[in-house]
N, C-alpha and C. Protein backbone atom coordinates (compact mmCIF):
# COMPACT_ATOMS: atom_id res chain seq x y z
N MET A 1 -1.98 6.67 -19.24
CA MET A 1 -2.65 5.91 -17.96
C MET A 1 -3.56 7.31 -17.20
N THR A 2 -4.33 7.01 -16.56
CA THR A 2 -5.01 8.19 -15.90
C THR A 2 -4.35 8.21 -14.42
N ASP A 3 -4.81 9.61 -13.84
CA ASP A 3 -4.18 10.12 -12.64
C ASP A 3 -4.53 9.12 -11.25
N VAL A 4 -5.95 8.84 -11.81
CA VAL A 4 -6.68 8.07 -10.58
C VAL A 4 -6.34 6.29 -10.86
N LEU A 5 -5.46 5.77 -10.10
CA LEU A 5 -5.22 3.93 -10.39
C LEU A 5 -5.81 3.30 -9.28
N THR A 6 -6.28 1.96 -9.75
CA THR A 6 -6.43 1.04 -9.08
C THR A 6 -5.16 0.06 -8.99
N ARG A 7 -4.65 0.10 -7.93
CA ARG A 7 -3.60 -0.58 -7.34
C ARG A 7 -3.72 -2.10 -6.56
N LEU A 8 -3.44 -3.22 -7.16
CA LEU A 8 -3.52 -4.45 -6.77
C LEU A 8 -2.25 -5.50 -6.35
N ILE A 9 -1.85 -5.67 -5.48
CA ILE A 9 -1.00 -6.44 -4.56
C ILE A 9 -0.98 -7.96 -4.46
N ASP A 10 -0.52 -9.17 -4.99
CA ASP A 10 -0.61 -10.28 -5.04
C ASP A 10 0.38 -10.96 -4.31
N LYS A 11 0.39 -11.19 -2.69
CA LYS A 11 1.41 -11.86 -2.06
C LYS A 11 0.78 -13.63 -1.66
N ALA A 12 -0.29 -13.95 -2.47
CA ALA A 12 -0.92 -15.10 -2.14
C ALA A 12 0.11 -16.48 -2.42
N SER A 13 1.14 -16.50 -2.87
CA SER A 13 2.21 -17.51 -2.93
C SER A 13 2.99 -17.46 -2.01
N GLY A 14 2.81 -16.71 -0.89
CA GLY A 14 3.79 -16.29 -0.08
C GLY A 14 4.25 -15.10 -0.28
N SER A 15 5.70 -14.59 -0.06
CA SER A 15 5.88 -13.31 -0.28
C SER A 15 6.79 -13.25 -1.38
N ASN A 16 7.05 -14.27 -2.25
CA ASN A 16 7.93 -14.57 -3.42
C ASN A 16 7.57 -15.05 -4.36
N PRO A 17 7.46 -14.77 -5.99
CA PRO A 17 7.15 -13.24 -5.76
C PRO A 17 6.08 -12.63 -5.49
N VAL A 18 6.11 -11.20 -5.67
CA VAL A 18 5.01 -10.10 -5.51
C VAL A 18 4.66 -9.71 -6.91
N TYR A 19 3.33 -9.61 -7.37
CA TYR A 19 2.66 -9.26 -8.25
C TYR A 19 2.03 -8.01 -8.06
N ILE A 20 2.18 -6.48 -8.78
CA ILE A 20 1.84 -5.79 -8.47
C ILE A 20 1.05 -4.99 -9.98
N GLY A 21 -0.35 -4.85 -10.03
CA GLY A 21 -0.81 -4.35 -11.09
C GLY A 21 -1.68 -2.61 -10.98
N GLU A 22 -1.28 -2.42 -11.58
CA GLU A 22 -2.13 -1.21 -11.95
C GLU A 22 -2.97 -0.79 -12.96
N ALA A 23 -4.06 -0.10 -12.93
CA ALA A 23 -5.05 0.21 -14.01
C ALA A 23 -5.54 1.12 -13.47
N PRO A 24 -6.92 1.70 -14.51
CA PRO A 24 -7.69 3.20 -14.34
C PRO A 24 -8.29 2.61 -13.16
N ALA A 25 -8.89 3.55 -12.34
CA ALA A 25 -9.83 3.14 -11.08
C ALA A 25 -11.05 2.57 -11.73
N GLY A 26 -11.23 1.46 -10.84
CA GLY A 26 -12.74 0.88 -11.16
C GLY A 26 -12.54 -0.12 -12.22
N SER A 27 -11.24 -0.37 -12.70
CA SER A 27 -11.20 -1.36 -13.83
C SER A 27 -11.33 -2.90 -13.52
N PRO A 28 -12.09 -3.54 -14.11
CA PRO A 28 -12.02 -5.17 -13.63
C PRO A 28 -10.95 -5.67 -13.78
N THR A 29 -10.84 -6.83 -13.37
CA THR A 29 -9.37 -7.27 -13.19
C THR A 29 -9.43 -8.39 -14.84
N ASN A 30 -10.68 -8.79 -15.24
CA ASN A 30 -10.39 -9.69 -16.35
C ASN A 30 -10.31 -8.70 -17.52
N LYS A 31 -10.13 -7.40 -17.48
CA LYS A 31 -9.96 -6.97 -19.12
C LYS A 31 -8.81 -6.53 -19.30
N PRO A 32 -8.27 -6.30 -20.43
CA PRO A 32 -6.59 -5.94 -20.68
C PRO A 32 -6.55 -4.57 -20.58
N VAL A 33 -6.33 -3.87 -19.35
CA VAL A 33 -6.02 -2.75 -19.28
C VAL A 33 -4.89 -2.54 -17.99
N TRP A 34 -4.21 -3.50 -17.75
CA TRP A 34 -3.49 -3.44 -16.60
C TRP A 34 -2.02 -3.30 -16.81
N ARG A 35 -1.32 -2.99 -15.98
CA ARG A 35 0.30 -2.84 -16.27
C ARG A 35 0.52 -3.50 -14.93
N ILE A 36 1.49 -4.73 -15.18
CA ILE A 36 1.66 -5.38 -14.24
C ILE A 36 3.35 -5.86 -14.08
N GLN A 37 3.70 -5.74 -12.60
CA GLN A 37 5.14 -5.88 -12.44
C GLN A 37 5.00 -7.22 -11.50
N LYS A 38 6.50 -7.70 -11.54
CA LYS A 38 6.62 -8.76 -10.73
C LYS A 38 8.15 -8.57 -9.85
N LEU A 39 7.80 -8.88 -8.71
CA LEU A 39 8.95 -8.61 -7.87
C LEU A 39 9.74 -9.82 -7.37
N THR A 40 10.75 -9.76 -7.23
CA THR A 40 11.37 -11.31 -6.82
C THR A 40 12.23 -11.04 -5.50
N TYR A 41 12.20 -11.61 -4.51
CA TYR A 41 12.94 -11.19 -3.24
C TYR A 41 14.18 -12.58 -2.70
N ASP A 42 15.25 -11.89 -2.19
CA ASP A 42 16.03 -12.98 -1.70
C ASP A 42 15.47 -13.66 0.24
N ALA A 43 16.43 -14.51 0.26
CA ALA A 43 15.90 -15.08 1.59
C ALA A 43 15.96 -13.31 2.66
N ALA A 44 16.99 -12.50 2.39
CA ALA A 44 17.15 -11.48 3.24
C ALA A 44 16.09 -10.41 3.25
N GLY A 45 14.91 -10.72 2.41
CA GLY A 45 13.84 -9.84 1.87
C GLY A 45 13.92 -8.34 1.00
N ASP A 46 15.36 -8.63 0.53
CA ASP A 46 15.77 -7.92 -0.33
C ASP A 46 15.50 -8.17 -2.00
N VAL A 47 14.81 -6.80 -2.79
CA VAL A 47 14.41 -7.11 -4.30
C VAL A 47 15.73 -7.77 -5.13
N THR A 48 15.34 -8.66 -5.45
CA THR A 48 16.75 -8.89 -6.44
C THR A 48 16.37 -8.94 -8.07
N ASN A 49 15.08 -8.82 -8.42
CA ASN A 49 14.95 -8.84 -9.67
C ASN A 49 13.17 -8.08 -10.05
N VAL A 50 13.38 -7.15 -11.04
CA VAL A 50 11.82 -6.54 -11.27
C VAL A 50 11.91 -6.67 -12.49
N GLN A 51 10.57 -7.14 -13.07
CA GLN A 51 10.06 -7.47 -14.42
C GLN A 51 8.68 -6.93 -14.35
N TRP A 52 8.56 -6.63 -15.89
CA TRP A 52 7.34 -6.28 -16.14
C TRP A 52 6.50 -7.21 -17.20
N ALA A 53 5.47 -7.05 -17.37
CA ALA A 53 4.55 -8.03 -18.40
C ALA A 53 4.59 -7.12 -19.47
N GLU A 54 4.81 -7.49 -20.71
CA GLU A 54 4.67 -6.69 -22.06
C GLU A 54 5.55 -5.31 -21.88
N ALA A 55 6.65 -5.56 -20.86
CA ALA A 55 7.44 -4.13 -20.96
C ALA A 55 6.65 -2.72 -20.35
N GLY A 56 5.79 -3.03 -19.63
CA GLY A 56 4.74 -2.46 -18.77
C GLY A 56 3.85 -1.62 -19.68
N ASN A 57 3.20 -2.19 -20.67
CA ASN A 57 2.35 -1.80 -21.30
C ASN A 57 0.90 -2.08 -20.65
N CYS A 58 0.24 -0.82 -20.81
CA CYS A 58 -1.11 -1.54 -20.35
C CYS A 58 -2.33 -2.32 -21.02
N ASN A 59 -1.91 -2.84 -21.31
CA ASN A 59 -2.77 -4.38 -21.95
C ASN A 59 -2.93 -5.54 -21.10
N GLN A 60 -2.44 -5.69 -20.29
CA GLN A 60 -2.40 -7.15 -19.42
C GLN A 60 -3.83 -7.38 -18.66
N ILE A 61 -3.97 -8.57 -18.33
CA ILE A 61 -5.23 -9.12 -17.64
C ILE A 61 -5.07 -9.60 -16.50
N TRP A 62 -5.22 -8.76 -15.07
CA TRP A 62 -5.03 -9.06 -13.85
C TRP A 62 -5.01 -10.54 -13.59
N ASP A 63 -6.09 -11.04 -13.41
CA ASP A 63 -6.60 -12.24 -13.26
C ASP A 63 -5.46 -13.59 -14.14
N ASN A 64 -4.52 -12.99 -15.12
CA ASN A 64 -3.84 -13.94 -15.82
C ASN A 64 -2.06 -13.66 -15.45
N ARG A 65 -1.88 -13.12 -14.48
CA ARG A 65 -0.41 -12.67 -13.79
C ARG A 65 0.08 -13.64 -13.34
N LEU A 66 -0.44 -14.85 -13.15
CA LEU A 66 0.60 -15.94 -12.92
C LEU A 66 0.95 -16.61 -14.06
N SER A 67 0.72 -16.35 -15.28
CA SER A 67 0.81 -17.11 -16.59
C SER A 67 1.49 -16.35 -17.64
N LEU A 68 1.79 -14.99 -17.20
CA LEU A 68 2.48 -13.97 -18.09
C LEU A 68 3.91 -13.89 -18.20
N THR A 69 4.16 -13.66 -19.56
CA THR A 69 5.71 -13.38 -19.34
C THR A 69 6.34 -12.09 -19.01
N TYR A 70 7.39 -12.23 -18.47
CA TYR A 70 7.86 -11.06 -17.78
C TYR A 70 9.11 -10.85 -18.01
N ALA A 71 9.42 -9.79 -18.29
CA ALA A 71 11.13 -9.62 -18.94
C ALA A 71 11.75 -8.37 -18.12
């Protein structure tokens, strides 16, 4: 991954879960160059689970984040 990154954060479905994506600066959201993380929180706002799509590899499409498999 390059030194200059674009970072996107999706809290669209409320605050749980939160999706965080990183890709080289200027990357389009429909190209498979993203590393995507899913954070799940409890009622107190503490992180209870941190998961990655494809083990954190930079080969995901940000636009597909809701349908990806996370582990």
